[in-house]
Amino acid sequence: MGTLDGQVAVVTGAGRGIGREHALLLAAEGAAIVVNDLGGAQDGTGAEGSPAQDVAAEIVAGGGRAVANGDDVADASGAQRIVDTALAEFGRLDIVINNAGILRDRVLVNLTEDDWDLVVRVNLRGTFLVTKAAANHWRGRSKAGEEVRASVVNTSSESGVFGNPGQANYAAAKAAVAALTQVAAKELARYGVRVNAILPQARTRLTEGAFGDSLAAKDGFDRWDPANVSPFVAYLAGSSCPISGEVFVVGGSRVQRVRPWERDPGWKLQTEGRWTVTDLEKAVADAGVPEGQKWTANPGKAAR
């Protein structure tokens, strides 16, 4: 008996890395899996069907149910076909794991429009389109009188929530995924759908360029094994999970909730009527610059 017996899940970007581990674990827990992967490189170029086919074959060989899908998550018709594949092959859809993502890292001044557009397209637009296609299906079931208990788990990033230099495009897209998660959770609750997001910490193709050998496996417990992330994803996916609208850092042995944007009661300026710039200068000086935010010019660097 698995925790997801009888459920059907779509996992995007499931041909390699974290997505592959999600697909394998959800299948081991009893879910039938649509293994979606375009099979492109980490920068979004190219396409190859074999990664998705290999994972689906591995699941079937282990006694599970799976089908490969090579549609593009960021194409509206492709996103709909991903959902339709679940319905055609397995007769239902209960879980969507939005994991597909790419990187094109450059500092802001060197970032091209193509770098920006493609990263936002896959990471944000792809999450939106697949979620929308699934949500329309669940709304239809709910309006027909069926009790729906569905789940979406999105993949954001610590880069998006906390900011990482050299990843303006990726960070912006992943920050938007975190915000989309909160909005979708509020909107889709009426249809029986929960929506959460994770910020995974793991060794993948996308992290190798940024961290190199620092994430290599060492003796004992492998802190950076992508398989460490999947159990919490499977928990969030399960119909008995009560959590929605939340974002969690997940990696190694740790799961930690991330607080959403919140007003800081310790730093607040108030006056009667409208502020003047002069009064604001004095008020900020009196209140103090928020910790960690005081700006200083880079010493020894000429302005350019």
Protein backbone atom coordinates (compact mmCIF):
# COMPACT_ATOMS: atom_id res chain seq x y z
CA MET A 1 0.00 0.00 0.00
CA GLY A 2 1.41 3.39 -1.00
CA THR A 3 0.36 6.83 0.14
CA LEU A 4 -0.65 7.72 -3.43
CA ASP A 5 -2.42 4.54 -4.48
CA GLY A 6 -4.93 5.20 -7.25
CA GLN A 7 -3.68 8.72 -7.90
CA VAL A 8 -2.42 10.08 -11.22
CA ALA A 9 0.41 12.60 -11.34
CA VAL A 10 2.03 14.78 -13.98
CA VAL A 11 5.70 15.53 -13.29
CA THR A 12 7.30 18.04 -15.64
CA GLY A 13 11.04 18.10 -16.24
CA ALA A 14 11.05 14.50 -15.03
CA GLY A 15 13.70 13.07 -17.34
CA ARG A 16 16.63 13.89 -15.12
CA GLY A 17 17.68 15.19 -11.71
CA ILE A 18 15.08 16.20 -9.13
CA GLY A 19 12.15 15.63 -11.49
CA ARG A 20 13.25 12.06 -12.16
CA GLU A 21 13.44 11.39 -8.42
CA HIS A 22 9.96 12.86 -7.94
CA ALA A 23 8.55 10.61 -10.65
CA LEU A 24 10.22 7.48 -9.26
CA LEU A 25 9.09 8.10 -5.69
CA LEU A 26 5.52 9.05 -6.58
CA ALA A 27 5.33 5.87 -8.65
CA ALA A 28 6.72 3.84 -5.75
CA GLU A 29 3.98 5.34 -3.58
CA GLY A 30 1.37 4.04 -6.00
CA ALA A 31 0.69 6.92 -8.40
CA ALA A 32 0.52 6.53 -12.16
CA ILE A 33 2.92 9.04 -13.72
CA VAL A 34 2.99 11.18 -16.84
CA VAL A 35 6.74 11.66 -17.19
CA ASN A 36 7.06 14.95 -19.05
CA ASP A 37 10.39 16.18 -20.39
CA LEU A 38 11.25 18.02 -23.58
CA GLY A 39 14.76 16.57 -23.31
CA GLY A 40 16.59 19.84 -23.88
CA ALA A 41 19.89 21.10 -22.53
CA GLN A 42 20.03 23.06 -19.29
CA ASP A 43 19.96 26.33 -21.26
CA GLY A 44 16.75 25.34 -23.02
CA THR A 45 18.24 24.42 -26.38
CA GLY A 46 17.50 21.19 -28.20
CA ALA A 47 14.95 18.45 -27.55
CA GLU A 48 15.26 14.71 -27.07
CA GLY A 49 12.54 12.27 -26.09
CA SER A 50 14.72 9.58 -24.54
CA PRO A 51 15.08 11.00 -20.99
CA ALA A 52 11.30 10.90 -20.40
CA GLN A 53 11.04 7.52 -22.12
CA ASP A 54 13.85 6.09 -20.00
CA VAL A 55 12.22 7.16 -16.72
CA ALA A 56 8.81 5.88 -17.79
CA ALA A 57 10.37 2.55 -18.79
CA GLU A 58 12.16 2.33 -15.43
CA ILE A 59 8.87 2.85 -13.58
CA VAL A 60 7.07 0.24 -15.68
CA ALA A 61 9.92 -2.23 -15.24
CA GLY A 62 9.53 -1.82 -11.49
CA GLY A 63 5.86 -2.70 -11.64
CA GLY A 64 4.48 0.83 -11.78
CA ARG A 65 2.38 2.71 -14.31
CA ALA A 66 3.90 5.49 -16.40
CA VAL A 67 3.85 7.07 -19.82
CA ALA A 68 6.37 9.43 -21.39
CA ASN A 69 5.39 12.84 -22.75
CA GLY A 70 7.69 15.20 -24.66
CA ASP A 71 5.50 18.29 -24.94
CA ASP A 72 6.77 21.80 -24.25
CA VAL A 73 5.33 23.08 -20.95
CA ALA A 74 5.61 26.69 -22.14
CA ASP A 75 3.44 26.12 -25.20
CA ALA A 76 -0.28 26.41 -24.43
CA SER A 77 -1.23 23.50 -26.68
CA GLY A 78 1.63 21.44 -25.28
CA ALA A 79 0.59 22.12 -21.69
CA GLN A 80 -2.95 21.03 -22.51
CA ARG A 81 -1.66 17.86 -24.16
CA ILE A 82 0.27 17.00 -21.01
CA VAL A 83 -2.95 17.10 -19.00
CA ASP A 84 -4.85 15.29 -21.75
CA THR A 85 -2.22 12.53 -21.71
CA ALA A 86 -3.00 11.81 -18.06
CA LEU A 87 -6.72 11.67 -18.80
CA ALA A 88 -6.35 9.53 -21.91
CA GLU A 89 -3.86 7.07 -20.41
CA PHE A 90 -5.07 6.83 -16.82
CA GLY A 91 -8.58 8.34 -16.77
CA ARG A 92 -7.96 11.05 -14.19
CA LEU A 93 -5.53 13.65 -12.84
CA ASP A 94 -4.86 14.34 -9.17
CA ILE A 95 -1.36 15.80 -8.90
CA VAL A 96 0.78 18.24 -10.86
CA ILE A 97 4.47 18.67 -10.01
CA ASN A 98 5.80 21.70 -11.92
CA ASN A 99 9.52 21.00 -12.02
CA ALA A 100 10.64 21.93 -15.55
CA GLY A 101 13.24 24.70 -15.57
CA ILE A 102 16.32 26.05 -17.31
CA LEU A 103 19.19 28.43 -16.57
CA ARG A 104 21.01 31.08 -18.59
CA ASP A 105 23.14 32.78 -15.96
CA ARG A 106 24.72 36.16 -16.66
CA VAL A 107 25.12 39.39 -14.74
CA LEU A 108 22.41 41.91 -15.51
CA VAL A 109 24.48 44.12 -17.82
CA ASN A 110 25.37 41.12 -20.01
CA LEU A 111 21.94 39.49 -19.99
CA THR A 112 20.38 39.38 -23.45
CA GLU A 113 16.70 39.67 -24.21
CA ASP A 114 16.73 36.05 -25.39
CA ASP A 115 18.33 34.96 -22.11
CA TRP A 116 15.57 36.75 -20.23
CA ASP A 117 12.67 35.64 -22.41
CA LEU A 118 13.56 31.96 -22.60
CA VAL A 119 14.22 31.53 -18.88
CA VAL A 120 11.00 33.32 -17.95
CA ARG A 121 9.15 31.35 -20.63
CA VAL A 122 10.10 27.92 -19.30
CA ASN A 123 10.23 28.55 -15.56
CA LEU A 124 7.24 30.88 -15.15
CA ARG A 125 5.07 30.59 -18.24
CA GLY A 126 5.44 26.80 -18.20
CA THR A 127 4.33 26.62 -14.57
CA PHE A 128 1.36 28.88 -15.32
CA LEU A 129 0.21 27.01 -18.42
CA VAL A 130 0.37 23.50 -16.96
CA THR A 131 -1.32 24.66 -13.76
CA LYS A 132 -4.03 26.43 -15.72
CA ALA A 133 -4.75 23.38 -17.88
CA ALA A 134 -5.02 21.16 -14.80
CA ALA A 135 -7.08 23.75 -12.91
CA ASN A 136 -9.64 23.94 -15.69
CA HIS A 137 -10.02 20.16 -15.54
CA TRP A 138 -10.47 20.21 -11.76
CA ARG A 139 -12.91 23.11 -11.92
CA GLY A 140 -15.02 21.16 -14.40
CA ARG A 141 -15.07 18.13 -12.10
CA SER A 142 -15.94 20.29 -9.11
CA LYS A 143 -18.77 22.07 -10.91
CA ALA A 144 -20.14 18.69 -11.96
CA GLY A 145 -20.58 17.86 -8.29
CA GLU A 146 -17.51 15.69 -7.80
CA GLU A 147 -15.42 16.07 -4.65
CA VAL A 148 -11.94 17.02 -5.85
CA ARG A 149 -8.84 16.53 -3.71
CA ALA A 150 -6.00 17.64 -5.96
CA SER A 151 -2.55 19.09 -5.41
CA VAL A 152 -0.04 21.25 -7.27
CA VAL A 153 3.58 21.48 -6.16
CA ASN A 154 5.60 24.21 -7.88
CA THR A 155 9.36 24.54 -8.00
CA SER A 156 10.63 27.96 -7.01
CA SER A 157 14.21 28.65 -5.90
CA GLU A 158 16.20 30.25 -3.11
CA SER A 159 17.62 32.44 -5.86
CA GLY A 160 14.14 33.81 -6.47
CA VAL A 161 13.15 34.27 -2.85
CA PHE A 162 16.46 35.55 -1.47
CA GLY A 163 18.20 36.86 -4.61
CA ASN A 164 21.37 35.54 -6.19
CA PRO A 165 23.73 37.73 -8.26
CA GLY A 166 24.17 36.55 -11.81
CA GLN A 167 20.64 35.14 -12.04
CA ALA A 168 18.36 38.12 -12.64
CA ASN A 169 16.25 36.24 -15.18
CA TYR A 170 16.04 33.00 -13.18
CA ALA A 171 15.47 34.78 -9.88
CA ALA A 172 12.70 36.94 -11.30
CA ALA A 173 10.95 33.92 -12.79
CA LYS A 174 11.26 31.85 -9.63
CA ALA A 175 10.13 34.71 -7.39
CA ALA A 176 7.06 34.97 -9.61
CA VAL A 177 6.47 31.22 -9.22
CA ALA A 178 6.39 31.68 -5.44
CA ALA A 179 3.88 34.52 -5.80
CA LEU A 180 1.83 32.53 -8.32
CA THR A 181 1.72 29.69 -5.81
CA GLN A 182 0.08 31.89 -3.18
CA VAL A 183 -2.46 33.34 -5.61
CA ALA A 184 -3.33 29.95 -7.10
CA ALA A 185 -3.79 28.46 -3.62
CA LYS A 186 -6.37 31.15 -2.80
CA GLU A 187 -8.18 30.90 -6.13
CA LEU A 188 -8.28 27.13 -6.51
CA ALA A 189 -9.26 26.21 -2.94
CA ARG A 190 -12.93 26.43 -3.92
CA TYR A 191 -12.36 23.58 -6.39
CA GLY A 192 -10.59 21.32 -3.89
CA VAL A 193 -7.06 22.09 -5.05
CA ARG A 194 -4.07 22.79 -2.80
CA VAL A 195 -1.00 24.61 -4.17
CA ASN A 196 2.44 24.78 -2.56
CA ALA A 197 6.02 25.41 -3.66
CA ILE A 198 9.46 24.15 -2.77
CA LEU A 199 12.92 25.71 -2.91
CA PRO A 200 15.03 22.60 -3.53
CA GLN A 201 18.62 22.20 -2.40
CA ALA A 202 20.20 19.46 -4.48
CA ARG A 203 22.93 18.52 -6.94
CA THR A 204 21.53 18.75 -10.48
CA ARG A 205 22.60 19.77 -13.99
CA LEU A 206 21.47 23.30 -13.15
CA THR A 207 23.63 23.57 -10.01
CA GLU A 208 26.81 22.04 -11.42
CA GLY A 209 27.79 25.20 -13.27
CA ALA A 210 27.16 27.42 -10.25
CA PHE A 211 28.65 25.26 -7.48
CA GLY A 212 30.96 22.81 -9.24
CA ASP A 213 32.41 20.08 -7.02
CA SER A 214 31.25 21.73 -3.78
CA LEU A 215 28.05 19.66 -3.94
CA ALA A 216 29.83 16.37 -4.65
CA ALA A 217 28.83 13.33 -2.63
CA LYS A 218 30.97 12.63 0.42
CA ASP A 219 31.20 9.70 2.82
CA GLY A 220 28.03 9.03 4.77
CA PHE A 221 24.73 10.75 4.10
CA ASP A 222 24.72 12.57 0.75
CA ARG A 223 23.32 15.97 1.72
CA TRP A 224 22.90 17.04 -1.91
CA ASP A 225 21.29 13.91 -3.37
CA PRO A 226 18.21 15.11 -5.30
CA ALA A 227 16.28 12.11 -3.98
CA ASN A 228 16.24 13.82 -0.57
CA VAL A 229 13.81 16.43 -1.90
CA SER A 230 11.17 14.05 -3.19
CA PRO A 231 9.63 12.66 0.05
CA PHE A 232 8.29 16.07 1.06
CA VAL A 233 6.96 16.61 -2.45
CA ALA A 234 5.15 13.27 -2.21
CA TYR A 235 3.75 14.34 1.15
CA LEU A 236 2.50 17.66 -0.25
CA ALA A 237 0.96 15.79 -3.17
CA GLY A 238 -1.04 13.42 -0.99
CA SER A 239 -4.76 14.02 -0.49
CA SER A 240 -4.40 13.85 3.30
CA CYS A 241 -1.96 16.79 3.44
CA PRO A 242 -3.67 19.90 4.91
CA ILE A 243 -1.06 22.47 3.75
CA SER A 244 -1.69 25.03 1.01
CA GLY A 245 -0.26 28.36 -0.09
CA GLU A 246 3.13 27.75 1.50
CA VAL A 247 6.75 27.75 0.33
CA PHE A 248 9.41 25.48 1.84
CA VAL A 249 13.18 25.07 1.58
CA VAL A 250 13.74 21.34 1.09
CA GLY A 251 17.08 19.56 0.96
CA GLY A 252 19.17 17.02 2.80
CA SER A 253 17.40 16.22 6.05
CA ARG A 254 15.72 19.63 6.35
CA VAL A 255 12.32 21.04 5.54
CA GLN A 256 11.87 24.69 6.53
CA ARG A 257 8.93 27.02 5.95
CA VAL A 258 9.69 30.35 4.28
CA ARG A 259 7.73 33.32 5.55
CA PRO A 260 5.97 35.30 2.83
CA TRP A 261 6.60 39.01 2.40
CA GLU A 262 5.50 40.72 5.59
CA ARG A 263 5.41 44.26 6.97
CA ASP A 264 8.22 45.02 9.40
CA PRO A 265 6.70 46.43 12.61
CA GLY A 266 10.18 47.46 13.75
CA TRP A 267 10.72 49.85 10.83
CA LYS A 268 7.76 52.08 10.12
CA LEU A 269 7.54 55.78 9.32
CA GLN A 270 4.34 57.70 10.05
CA THR A 271 3.35 61.36 9.82
CA GLU A 272 0.25 63.52 9.57
CA GLY A 273 -0.79 64.02 5.96
CA ARG A 274 1.76 63.87 3.14
CA TRP A 275 5.48 63.45 3.70
CA THR A 276 8.01 65.94 2.39
CA VAL A 277 11.36 64.71 1.10
CA THR A 278 13.19 66.73 3.75
CA ASP A 279 11.11 65.22 6.56
CA LEU A 280 11.68 61.74 5.14
CA GLU A 281 15.44 62.27 5.09
CA LYS A 282 15.32 63.11 8.80
CA ALA A 283 12.89 60.31 9.64
CA VAL A 284 15.03 57.67 7.90
CA ALA A 285 18.14 58.99 9.64
CA ASP A 286 16.34 58.72 12.99
CA ALA A 287 14.93 55.25 12.27
CA GLY A 288 18.18 53.92 10.83
CA VAL A 289 18.72 52.22 7.49
CA PRO A 290 17.26 48.67 7.58
CA GLU A 291 19.91 46.15 8.59
CA GLY A 292 21.87 44.83 5.66
CA GLN A 293 20.46 47.40 3.25
CA LYS A 294 22.80 50.38 3.66
CA TRP A 295 24.34 51.16 0.30
CA THR A 296 27.94 52.16 -0.24
CA ALA A 297 29.73 52.70 -3.53
CA ASN A 298 32.16 49.95 -4.45
CA PRO A 299 35.53 51.34 -3.29
CA GLY A 300 38.21 51.52 -5.93
CA LYS A 301 35.74 51.18 -8.83
CA ALA A 302 35.09 54.11 -11.12
CA ALA A 303 31.49 54.85 -11.99
CA ARG A 304 30.53 53.59 -15.45
